[in-house]
């Protein structure tokens, strides 16, 4: 059995992290704003601290329940079976962790992780209420505290776009996959162009109002809409996954590109 403090990033990941440390004054985007990287981390934390208690309800309302189908499709494409080891990165309130726990059985492992304590606590409590005592770890996806070649499947659902250094996070996820393992990224993406005007109206006029009504926080959901527009396109994300060493990368457009599921393998 391993312990988290023994895990070390690969040389490639260490180079990425060292570059980040050497350039810690660099700026990045927080929605449409340009901010220092350290500021983005705090502001993203504030977003999820604010909405954690109503996060699941808001997901149902915003998507009309479709997010449940998108996550079910992710489970279907994961190849996870009884006895598998699964890592749910930025797992939030635990939707995927719960579904995976039911698939892997007593002989498998599912680890729920998130960088945000409020979201992780809600996810852990929710899983306990459902009868699943899963390990829950608060950690940064860019520096995962797990050993090389450990998990059969790593997933990140609606979390990658909030990460400052996406390539570093993807490289870390690949590092902890065993050979033959697969990474699945479920994320908002670039919508089918003819649908874009209606989708923009819904995103910037309706969703913030729903956020105000349900969570008393319109700003966090305005950031959500902006962060989606700043996220890489389907092809760009596929190329990013290939650049960190994932192979056989493919993606599946869901809801006309509102969401895309990317899958890549480690060999």
C-alpha atoms as a PDB file:
ATOM      1  CA  UNK A   1       0.000   0.000   0.000  1.00  0.00           C
ATOM      2  CA  UNK A   2       1.218   3.482  -0.742  1.00  0.00           C
ATOM      3  CA  UNK A   3       1.197   6.714   1.243  1.00  0.00           C
ATOM      4  CA  UNK A   4       0.462  10.086  -0.312  1.00  0.00           C
ATOM      5  CA  UNK A   5       3.673  11.746   0.857  1.00  0.00           C
ATOM      6  CA  UNK A   6       5.758   9.259  -1.154  1.00  0.00           C
ATOM      7  CA  UNK A   7       4.199  10.245  -4.481  1.00  0.00           C
ATOM      8  CA  UNK A   8       6.514  12.209  -6.752  1.00  0.00           C
ATOM      9  CA  UNK A   9       5.711  13.805 -10.109  1.00  0.00           C
ATOM     10  CA  UNK A  10       7.484  12.563 -13.204  1.00  0.00           C
ATOM     11  CA  UNK A  11      10.321  14.602 -14.660  1.00  0.00           C
ATOM     12  CA  UNK A  12       8.037  16.032 -17.351  1.00  0.00           C
ATOM     13  CA  UNK A  13       5.460  17.134 -14.808  1.00  0.00           C
ATOM     14  CA  UNK A  14       8.184  18.507 -12.537  1.00  0.00           C
ATOM     15  CA  UNK A  15       9.461  20.644 -15.428  1.00  0.00           C
ATOM     16  CA  UNK A  16       5.981  22.068 -15.912  1.00  0.00           C
ATOM     17  CA  UNK A  17       5.604  22.789 -12.187  1.00  0.00           C
ATOM     18  CA  UNK A  18       9.078  24.354 -11.968  1.00  0.00           C
ATOM     19  CA  UNK A  19       8.248  26.597 -14.916  1.00  0.00           C
ATOM     20  CA  UNK A  20       5.080  27.644 -13.121  1.00  0.00           C
ATOM     21  CA  UNK A  21       7.091  28.428  -9.963  1.00  0.00           C
ATOM     22  CA  UNK A  22       9.625  30.478 -11.931  1.00  0.00           C
ATOM     23  CA  UNK A  23       6.850  32.508 -13.523  1.00  0.00           C
ATOM     24  CA  UNK A  24       4.500  32.908 -10.603  1.00  0.00           C
ATOM     25  CA  UNK A  25       3.777  36.503 -11.510  1.00  0.00           C
ATOM     26  CA  UNK A  26       2.135  35.465 -14.769  1.00  0.00           C
ATOM     27  CA  UNK A  27      -1.439  36.396 -15.423  1.00  0.00           C
ATOM     28  CA  UNK A  28      -4.341  34.226 -16.491  1.00  0.00           C
ATOM     29  CA  UNK A  29      -8.039  34.643 -17.101  1.00  0.00           C
ATOM     30  CA  UNK A  30     -10.868  34.596 -14.590  1.00  0.00           C
ATOM     31  CA  UNK A  31     -13.805  34.549 -16.944  1.00  0.00           C
ATOM     32  CA  UNK A  32     -13.227  37.555 -19.184  1.00  0.00           C
ATOM     33  CA  UNK A  33     -10.948  39.295 -16.663  1.00  0.00           C
ATOM     34  CA  UNK A  34      -7.157  39.111 -16.716  1.00  0.00           C
ATOM     35  CA  UNK A  35      -5.813  38.471 -13.215  1.00  0.00           C
ATOM     36  CA  UNK A  36      -2.666  37.224 -11.499  1.00  0.00           C
ATOM     37  CA  UNK A  37      -2.624  33.451 -11.137  1.00  0.00           C
ATOM     38  CA  UNK A  38      -2.758  33.570  -7.332  1.00  0.00           C
ATOM     39  CA  UNK A  39      -5.787  35.838  -7.531  1.00  0.00           C
ATOM     40  CA  UNK A  40      -7.616  33.404  -9.810  1.00  0.00           C
ATOM     41  CA  UNK A  41      -7.156  30.566  -7.328  1.00  0.00           C
ATOM     42  CA  UNK A  42      -8.718  32.631  -4.539  1.00  0.00           C
ATOM     43  CA  UNK A  43     -11.587  33.858  -6.675  1.00  0.00           C
ATOM     44  CA  UNK A  44     -12.448  30.390  -7.983  1.00  0.00           C
ATOM     45  CA  UNK A  45     -12.447  29.212  -4.363  1.00  0.00           C
ATOM     46  CA  UNK A  46     -14.851  32.032  -3.480  1.00  0.00           C
ATOM     47  CA  UNK A  47     -17.177  30.968  -6.307  1.00  0.00           C
ATOM     48  CA  UNK A  48     -17.509  27.413  -5.040  1.00  0.00           C
ATOM     49  CA  UNK A  49     -17.647  28.404  -1.378  1.00  0.00           C
ATOM     50  CA  UNK A  50     -20.623  30.563  -2.316  1.00  0.00           C
ATOM     51  CA  UNK A  51     -22.601  28.006  -4.325  1.00  0.00           C
ATOM     52  CA  UNK A  52     -21.695  24.675  -2.650  1.00  0.00           C
ATOM     53  CA  UNK A  53     -24.940  24.298  -0.691  1.00  0.00           C
ATOM     54  CA  UNK A  54     -27.147  24.750  -3.768  1.00  0.00           C
ATOM     55  CA  UNK A  55     -24.747  23.394  -6.376  1.00  0.00           C
ATOM     56  CA  UNK A  56     -26.680  20.221  -7.202  1.00  0.00           C
ATOM     57  CA  UNK A  57     -30.043  21.987  -7.378  1.00  0.00           C
ATOM     58  CA  UNK A  58     -28.602  24.646  -9.660  1.00  0.00           C
ATOM     59  CA  UNK A  59     -27.107  21.982 -11.947  1.00  0.00           C
ATOM     60  CA  UNK A  60     -30.523  20.361 -12.329  1.00  0.00           C
ATOM     61  CA  UNK A  61     -32.228  23.672 -13.037  1.00  0.00           C
ATOM     62  CA  UNK A  62     -29.610  25.007 -15.476  1.00  0.00           C
ATOM     63  CA  UNK A  63     -29.376  21.831 -17.534  1.00  0.00           C
ATOM     64  CA  UNK A  64     -32.956  20.652 -17.182  1.00  0.00           C
ATOM     65  CA  UNK A  65     -31.512  17.492 -15.647  1.00  0.00           C
ATOM     66  CA  UNK A  66     -29.364  16.757 -18.703  1.00  0.00           C
ATOM     67  CA  UNK A  67     -26.165  16.769 -16.636  1.00  0.00           C
ATOM     68  CA  UNK A  68     -27.263  13.402 -15.224  1.00  0.00           C
ATOM     69  CA  UNK A  69     -27.379  11.926 -18.731  1.00  0.00           C
ATOM     70  CA  UNK A  70     -23.979  13.420 -19.587  1.00  0.00           C
ATOM     71  CA  UNK A  71     -22.467  11.840 -16.487  1.00  0.00           C
ATOM     72  CA  UNK A  72     -24.159   8.503 -17.202  1.00  0.00           C
ATOM     73  CA  UNK A  73     -22.593   8.578 -20.684  1.00  0.00           C
ATOM     74  CA  UNK A  74     -19.217   9.228 -19.075  1.00  0.00           C
ATOM     75  CA  UNK A  75     -19.633   6.185 -16.830  1.00  0.00           C
ATOM     76  CA  UNK A  76     -20.613   4.101 -19.842  1.00  0.00           C
ATOM     77  CA  UNK A  77     -17.493   5.135 -21.786  1.00  0.00           C
ATOM     78  CA  UNK A  78     -15.146   4.716 -18.824  1.00  0.00           C
ATOM     79  CA  UNK A  79     -14.664   0.962 -19.092  1.00  0.00           C
ATOM     80  CA  UNK A  80     -14.802   0.755 -15.299  1.00  0.00           C
ATOM     81  CA  UNK A  81     -15.814  -2.617 -13.865  1.00  0.00           C
ATOM     82  CA  UNK A  82     -15.763  -4.456 -10.566  1.00  0.00           C
ATOM     83  CA  UNK A  83     -12.375  -4.151  -8.900  1.00  0.00           C
ATOM     84  CA  UNK A  84     -11.252  -1.055 -10.833  1.00  0.00           C
ATOM     85  CA  UNK A  85      -9.365   1.826  -9.227  1.00  0.00           C
ATOM     86  CA  UNK A  86     -10.907   5.204 -10.057  1.00  0.00           C
ATOM     87  CA  UNK A  87      -9.833   8.769  -9.308  1.00  0.00           C
ATOM     88  CA  UNK A  88     -12.502  11.474  -9.511  1.00  0.00           C
ATOM     89  CA  UNK A  89     -10.627  14.791  -9.853  1.00  0.00           C
ATOM     90  CA  UNK A  90     -12.493  17.994  -8.944  1.00  0.00           C
ATOM     91  CA  UNK A  91     -15.314  15.632  -8.039  1.00  0.00           C
ATOM     92  CA  UNK A  92     -17.288  18.250  -6.115  1.00  0.00           C
ATOM     93  CA  UNK A  93     -20.473  16.873  -4.646  1.00  0.00           C
ATOM     94  CA  UNK A  94     -19.683  13.335  -5.764  1.00  0.00           C
ATOM     95  CA  UNK A  95     -22.056  12.464  -8.626  1.00  0.00           C
ATOM     96  CA  UNK A  96     -19.449  10.479 -10.544  1.00  0.00           C
ATOM     97  CA  UNK A  97     -17.830   9.034  -7.429  1.00  0.00           C
ATOM     98  CA  UNK A  98     -21.161   7.622  -6.319  1.00  0.00           C
ATOM     99  CA  UNK A  99     -21.856   6.053  -9.704  1.00  0.00           C
ATOM    100  CA  UNK A 100     -18.353   4.596  -9.902  1.00  0.00           C
ATOM    101  CA  UNK A 101     -18.561   3.222  -6.364  1.00  0.00           C
ATOM    102  CA  UNK A 102     -21.622   1.249  -7.373  1.00  0.00           C
ATOM    103  CA  UNK A 103     -19.741  -0.218 -10.354  1.00  0.00           C
ATOM    104  CA  UNK A 104     -16.397  -1.143  -8.766  1.00  0.00           C
ATOM    105  CA  UNK A 105     -17.896  -2.937  -5.770  1.00  0.00           C
ATOM    106  CA  UNK A 106     -16.086  -3.825  -2.554  1.00  0.00           C
ATOM    107  CA  UNK A 107     -12.984  -5.003  -4.392  1.00  0.00           C
ATOM    108  CA  UNK A 108     -12.472  -1.659  -6.158  1.00  0.00           C
ATOM    109  CA  UNK A 109     -11.410   1.823  -5.092  1.00  0.00           C
ATOM    110  CA  UNK A 110     -12.909   5.235  -5.781  1.00  0.00           C
ATOM    111  CA  UNK A 111     -11.137   8.364  -4.549  1.00  0.00           C
ATOM    112  CA  UNK A 112     -13.024  11.668  -4.461  1.00  0.00           C
ATOM    113  CA  UNK A 113     -10.811  14.752  -4.690  1.00  0.00           C
ATOM    114  CA  UNK A 114     -11.410  18.472  -4.920  1.00  0.00           C
ATOM    115  CA  UNK A 115      -9.353  21.571  -4.197  1.00  0.00           C
ATOM    116  CA  UNK A 116     -12.339  23.277  -2.541  1.00  0.00           C
ATOM    117  CA  UNK A 117     -13.135  22.212   1.017  1.00  0.00           C
ATOM    118  CA  UNK A 118     -16.786  23.272   0.930  1.00  0.00           C
ATOM    119  CA  UNK A 119     -17.487  21.207  -2.182  1.00  0.00           C
ATOM    120  CA  UNK A 120     -15.460  18.230  -0.945  1.00  0.00           C
ATOM    121  CA  UNK A 121     -17.206  18.230   2.426  1.00  0.00           C
ATOM    122  CA  UNK A 122     -20.592  18.276   0.764  1.00  0.00           C
ATOM    123  CA  UNK A 123     -19.564  15.440  -1.541  1.00  0.00           C
ATOM    124  CA  UNK A 124     -18.170  13.339   1.303  1.00  0.00           C
ATOM    125  CA  UNK A 125     -21.293  13.822   3.413  1.00  0.00           C
ATOM    126  CA  UNK A 126     -23.541  13.006   0.494  1.00  0.00           C
ATOM    127  CA  UNK A 127     -21.659   9.778  -0.208  1.00  0.00           C
ATOM    128  CA  UNK A 128     -21.846   8.811   3.472  1.00  0.00           C
ATOM    129  CA  UNK A 129     -25.593   9.432   3.427  1.00  0.00           C
ATOM    130  CA  UNK A 130     -25.819   6.984   0.505  1.00  0.00           C
ATOM    131  CA  UNK A 131     -23.848   4.360   2.436  1.00  0.00           C
ATOM    132  CA  UNK A 132     -20.461   4.783   0.711  1.00  0.00           C
ATOM    133  CA  UNK A 133     -17.468   5.594   2.917  1.00  0.00           C
ATOM    134  CA  UNK A 134     -15.089   6.671   0.175  1.00  0.00           C
ATOM    135  CA  UNK A 135     -11.718   8.360   0.745  1.00  0.00           C
ATOM    136  CA  UNK A 136     -12.028  12.100   0.131  1.00  0.00           C
ATOM    137  CA  UNK A 137      -8.833  14.115  -0.422  1.00  0.00           C
ATOM    138  CA  UNK A 138      -8.508  17.880  -0.684  1.00  0.00           C
ATOM    139  CA  UNK A 139      -5.749  18.472  -3.225  1.00  0.00           C
ATOM    140  CA  UNK A 140      -4.660  20.496  -6.246  1.00  0.00           C
ATOM    141  CA  UNK A 141      -5.154  18.663  -9.553  1.00  0.00           C
ATOM    142  CA  UNK A 142      -1.854  20.130 -10.738  1.00  0.00           C
ATOM    143  CA  UNK A 143       0.016  18.291  -7.941  1.00  0.00           C
ATOM    144  CA  UNK A 144      -1.867  15.060  -7.247  1.00  0.00           C
ATOM    145  CA  UNK A 145      -0.727  13.196  -4.086  1.00  0.00           C
ATOM    146  CA  UNK A 146      -0.886   9.739  -5.683  1.00  0.00           C
ATOM    147  CA  UNK A 147       1.783   7.381  -7.057  1.00  0.00           C
ATOM    148  CA  UNK A 148       2.570   6.728 -10.685  1.00  0.00           C
ATOM    149  CA  UNK A 149       0.640   4.069 -12.604  1.00  0.00           C
ATOM    150  CA  UNK A 150      -2.031   3.464  -9.958  1.00  0.00           C
ATOM    151  CA  UNK A 151      -5.523   4.125 -11.346  1.00  0.00           C
ATOM    152  CA  UNK A 152      -7.453   2.333 -14.075  1.00  0.00           C
ATOM    153  CA  UNK A 153      -9.534   5.430 -14.779  1.00  0.00           C
ATOM    154  CA  UNK A 154      -9.266   9.131 -13.966  1.00  0.00           C
ATOM    155  CA  UNK A 155     -12.183  11.488 -14.544  1.00  0.00           C
ATOM    156  CA  UNK A 156     -12.676  15.223 -14.280  1.00  0.00           C
ATOM    157  CA  UNK A 157     -16.182  16.571 -14.836  1.00  0.00           C
ATOM    158  CA  UNK A 158     -16.800  20.310 -15.219  1.00  0.00           C
ATOM    159  CA  UNK A 159     -13.586  21.116 -13.375  1.00  0.00           C
ATOM    160  CA  UNK A 160     -10.805  21.442 -15.935  1.00  0.00           C
ATOM    161  CA  UNK A 161     -11.853  24.891 -17.135  1.00  0.00           C
ATOM    162  CA  UNK A 162     -11.322  26.261 -13.600  1.00  0.00           C
ATOM    163  CA  UNK A 163      -7.716  25.052 -13.448  1.00  0.00           C
ATOM    164  CA  UNK A 164      -5.016  27.628 -14.092  1.00  0.00           C
ATOM    165  CA  UNK A 165      -2.470  25.296 -15.738  1.00  0.00           C
ATOM    166  CA  UNK A 166      -4.553  22.800 -17.643  1.00  0.00           C
ATOM    167  CA  UNK A 167      -1.588  21.044 -19.262  1.00  0.00           C
ATOM    168  CA  UNK A 168       0.032  20.445 -15.862  1.00  0.00           C
ATOM    169  CA  UNK A 169      -3.224  19.031 -14.492  1.00  0.00           C
ATOM    170  CA  UNK A 170      -3.682  16.761 -17.513  1.00  0.00           C
ATOM    171  CA  UNK A 171      -0.065  15.589 -17.211  1.00  0.00           C
ATOM    172  CA  UNK A 172      -0.630  14.734 -13.567  1.00  0.00           C
ATOM    173  CA  UNK A 173      -3.774  12.800 -14.398  1.00  0.00           C
ATOM    174  CA  UNK A 174      -1.849  10.835 -17.014  1.00  0.00           C
ATOM    175  CA  UNK A 175       0.978  10.183 -14.556  1.00  0.00           C
ATOM    176  CA  UNK A 176      -1.272   8.433 -12.037  1.00  0.00           C
ATOM    177  CA  UNK A 177      -2.931   6.258 -14.693  1.00  0.00           C
ATOM    178  CA  UNK A 178      -1.635   2.721 -15.088  1.00  0.00           C
ATOM    179  CA  UNK A 179      -0.622   1.623 -18.603  1.00  0.00           C
ATOM    180  CA  UNK A 180      -3.845   0.893 -20.434  1.00  0.00           C
ATOM    181  CA  UNK A 181      -5.751   3.297 -18.207  1.00  0.00           C
ATOM    182  CA  UNK A 182      -7.926   6.093 -19.532  1.00  0.00           C
ATOM    183  CA  UNK A 183      -8.645   9.713 -18.747  1.00  0.00           C
ATOM    184  CA  UNK A 184     -12.125  11.124 -19.299  1.00  0.00           C
ATOM    185  CA  UNK A 185     -12.751  14.871 -19.364  1.00  0.00           C
ATOM    186  CA  UNK A 186     -16.397  15.974 -19.316  1.00  0.00           C
ATOM    187  CA  UNK A 187     -16.614  19.713 -19.845  1.00  0.00           C
ATOM    188  CA  UNK A 188     -18.626  22.523 -21.390  1.00  0.00           C
ATOM    189  CA  UNK A 189     -17.350  23.113 -24.911  1.00  0.00           C
ATOM    190  CA  UNK A 190     -17.988  24.975 -28.154  1.00  0.00           C
ATOM    191  CA  UNK A 191     -21.623  24.785 -29.164  1.00  0.00           C
ATOM    192  CA  UNK A 192     -22.861  24.141 -32.708  1.00  0.00           C
ATOM    193  CA  UNK A 193     -22.533  27.542 -34.403  1.00  0.00           C
ATOM    194  CA  UNK A 194     -26.203  28.016 -35.465  1.00  0.00           C
ATOM    195  CA  UNK A 195     -27.197  27.505 -31.831  1.00  0.00           C
ATOM    196  CA  UNK A 196     -24.690  30.054 -30.507  1.00  0.00           C
ATOM    197  CA  UNK A 197     -26.965  33.163 -30.372  1.00  0.00           C
ATOM    198  CA  UNK A 198     -29.662  31.374 -28.373  1.00  0.00           C
ATOM    199  CA  UNK A 199     -27.041  29.726 -26.169  1.00  0.00           C
ATOM    200  CA  UNK A 200     -25.389  33.106 -25.499  1.00  0.00           C
ATOM    201  CA  UNK A 201     -28.722  34.624 -24.490  1.00  0.00           C
ATOM    202  CA  UNK A 202     -29.425  31.736 -22.127  1.00  0.00           C
ATOM    203  CA  UNK A 203     -25.889  31.842 -20.695  1.00  0.00           C
ATOM    204  CA  UNK A 204     -25.626  35.568 -20.033  1.00  0.00           C
ATOM    205  CA  UNK A 205     -29.243  36.596 -19.452  1.00  0.00           C
ATOM    206  CA  UNK A 206     -30.962  33.572 -17.918  1.00  0.00           C
ATOM    207  CA  UNK A 207     -28.303  31.667 -15.963  1.00  0.00           C
ATOM    208  CA  UNK A 208     -27.144  34.636 -13.805  1.00  0.00           C
ATOM    209  CA  UNK A 209     -30.783  35.349 -12.935  1.00  0.00           C
ATOM    210  CA  UNK A 210     -31.278  31.711 -11.973  1.00  0.00           C
ATOM    211  CA  UNK A 211     -28.108  31.927  -9.893  1.00  0.00           C
ATOM    212  CA  UNK A 212     -29.473  34.980  -8.084  1.00  0.00           C
ATOM    213  CA  UNK A 213     -32.821  33.284  -7.457  1.00  0.00           C
ATOM    214  CA  UNK A 214     -31.494  29.908  -6.292  1.00  0.00           C
ATOM    215  CA  UNK A 215     -28.106  30.675  -4.695  1.00  0.00           C
ATOM    216  CA  UNK A 216     -28.384  34.444  -4.170  1.00  0.00           C
ATOM    217  CA  UNK A 217     -25.236  34.751  -6.289  1.00  0.00           C
ATOM    218  CA  UNK A 218     -25.495  35.929  -9.871  1.00  0.00           C
ATOM    219  CA  UNK A 219     -21.789  36.809 -10.191  1.00  0.00           C
ATOM    220  CA  UNK A 220     -20.600  33.228  -9.747  1.00  0.00           C
ATOM    221  CA  UNK A 221     -22.853  32.055 -12.556  1.00  0.00           C
ATOM    222  CA  UNK A 222     -21.813  34.923 -14.787  1.00  0.00           C
ATOM    223  CA  UNK A 223     -18.252  33.679 -14.242  1.00  0.00           C
ATOM    224  CA  UNK A 224     -19.460  30.187 -15.218  1.00  0.00           C
ATOM    225  CA  UNK A 225     -20.701  31.463 -18.571  1.00  0.00           C
ATOM    226  CA  UNK A 226     -17.544  33.449 -19.202  1.00  0.00           C
ATOM    227  CA  UNK A 227     -15.239  30.575 -18.222  1.00  0.00           C
ATOM    228  CA  UNK A 228     -16.980  28.325 -20.748  1.00  0.00           C
ATOM    229  CA  UNK A 229     -16.157  30.779 -23.544  1.00  0.00           C
ATOM    230  CA  UNK A 230     -12.506  30.884 -22.465  1.00  0.00           C
ATOM    231  CA  UNK A 231     -12.152  27.094 -22.374  1.00  0.00           C
ATOM    232  CA  UNK A 232     -10.377  25.348 -25.287  1.00  0.00           C
ATOM    233  CA  UNK A 233     -12.486  24.027 -28.142  1.00  0.00           C
ATOM    234  CA  UNK A 234     -12.991  20.312 -28.694  1.00  0.00           C
ATOM    235  CA  UNK A 235     -10.047  20.074 -31.082  1.00  0.00           C
ATOM    236  CA  UNK A 236      -7.819  22.270 -28.932  1.00  0.00           C
ATOM    237  CA  UNK A 237      -8.455  20.167 -25.841  1.00  0.00           C
ATOM    238  CA  UNK A 238      -7.832  16.957 -27.799  1.00  0.00           C
ATOM    239  CA  UNK A 239      -4.468  18.371 -28.934  1.00  0.00           C
ATOM    240  CA  UNK A 240      -3.674  19.407 -25.364  1.00  0.00           C
ATOM    241  CA  UNK A 241      -4.331  15.861 -24.132  1.00  0.00           C
ATOM    242  CA  UNK A 242      -2.085  14.450 -26.856  1.00  0.00           C
ATOM    243  CA  UNK A 243       0.661  16.912 -25.941  1.00  0.00           C
ATOM    244  CA  UNK A 244       0.948  15.433 -22.420  1.00  0.00           C
ATOM    245  CA  UNK A 245       1.294  11.905 -23.805  1.00  0.00           C
ATOM    246  CA  UNK A 246      -2.252  10.568 -23.988  1.00  0.00           C
ATOM    247  CA  UNK A 247      -3.040   8.440 -27.020  1.00  0.00           C
ATOM    248  CA  UNK A 248      -6.103   7.469 -29.048  1.00  0.00           C
ATOM    249  CA  UNK A 249      -7.721  10.734 -27.962  1.00  0.00           C
ATOM    250  CA  UNK A 250     -11.296  11.164 -29.122  1.00  0.00           C
ATOM    251  CA  UNK A 251     -14.264  13.282 -28.161  1.00  0.00           C
ATOM    252  CA  UNK A 252     -18.024  12.986 -28.202  1.00  0.00           C
ATOM    253  CA  UNK A 253     -20.229  16.064 -28.615  1.00  0.00           C
ATOM    254  CA  UNK A 254     -23.272  16.072 -26.357  1.00  0.00           C
ATOM    255  CA  UNK A 255     -26.253  18.426 -26.665  1.00  0.00           C
ATOM    256  CA  UNK A 256     -24.903  19.881 -29.938  1.00  0.00           C
ATOM    257  CA  UNK A 257     -21.546  20.683 -28.404  1.00  0.00           C
ATOM    258  CA  UNK A 258     -22.813  22.381 -25.254  1.00  0.00           C
ATOM    259  CA  UNK A 259     -20.791  19.658 -23.538  1.00  0.00           C
ATOM    260  CA  UNK A 260     -18.096  17.330 -24.856  1.00  0.00           C
ATOM    261  CA  UNK A 261     -16.611  14.169 -23.398  1.00  0.00           C
ATOM    262  CA  UNK A 262     -12.922  13.656 -24.241  1.00  0.00           C
ATOM    263  CA  UNK A 263     -11.247  10.294 -23.711  1.00  0.00           C
ATOM    264  CA  UNK A 264      -7.570   9.422 -23.968  1.00  0.00           C
ATOM    265  CA  UNK A 265      -5.473   6.394 -23.044  1.00  0.00           C
ATOM    266  CA  UNK A 266      -2.070   5.878 -21.470  1.00  0.00           C
ATOM    267  CA  UNK A 267       0.083   3.177 -23.067  1.00  0.00           C
END
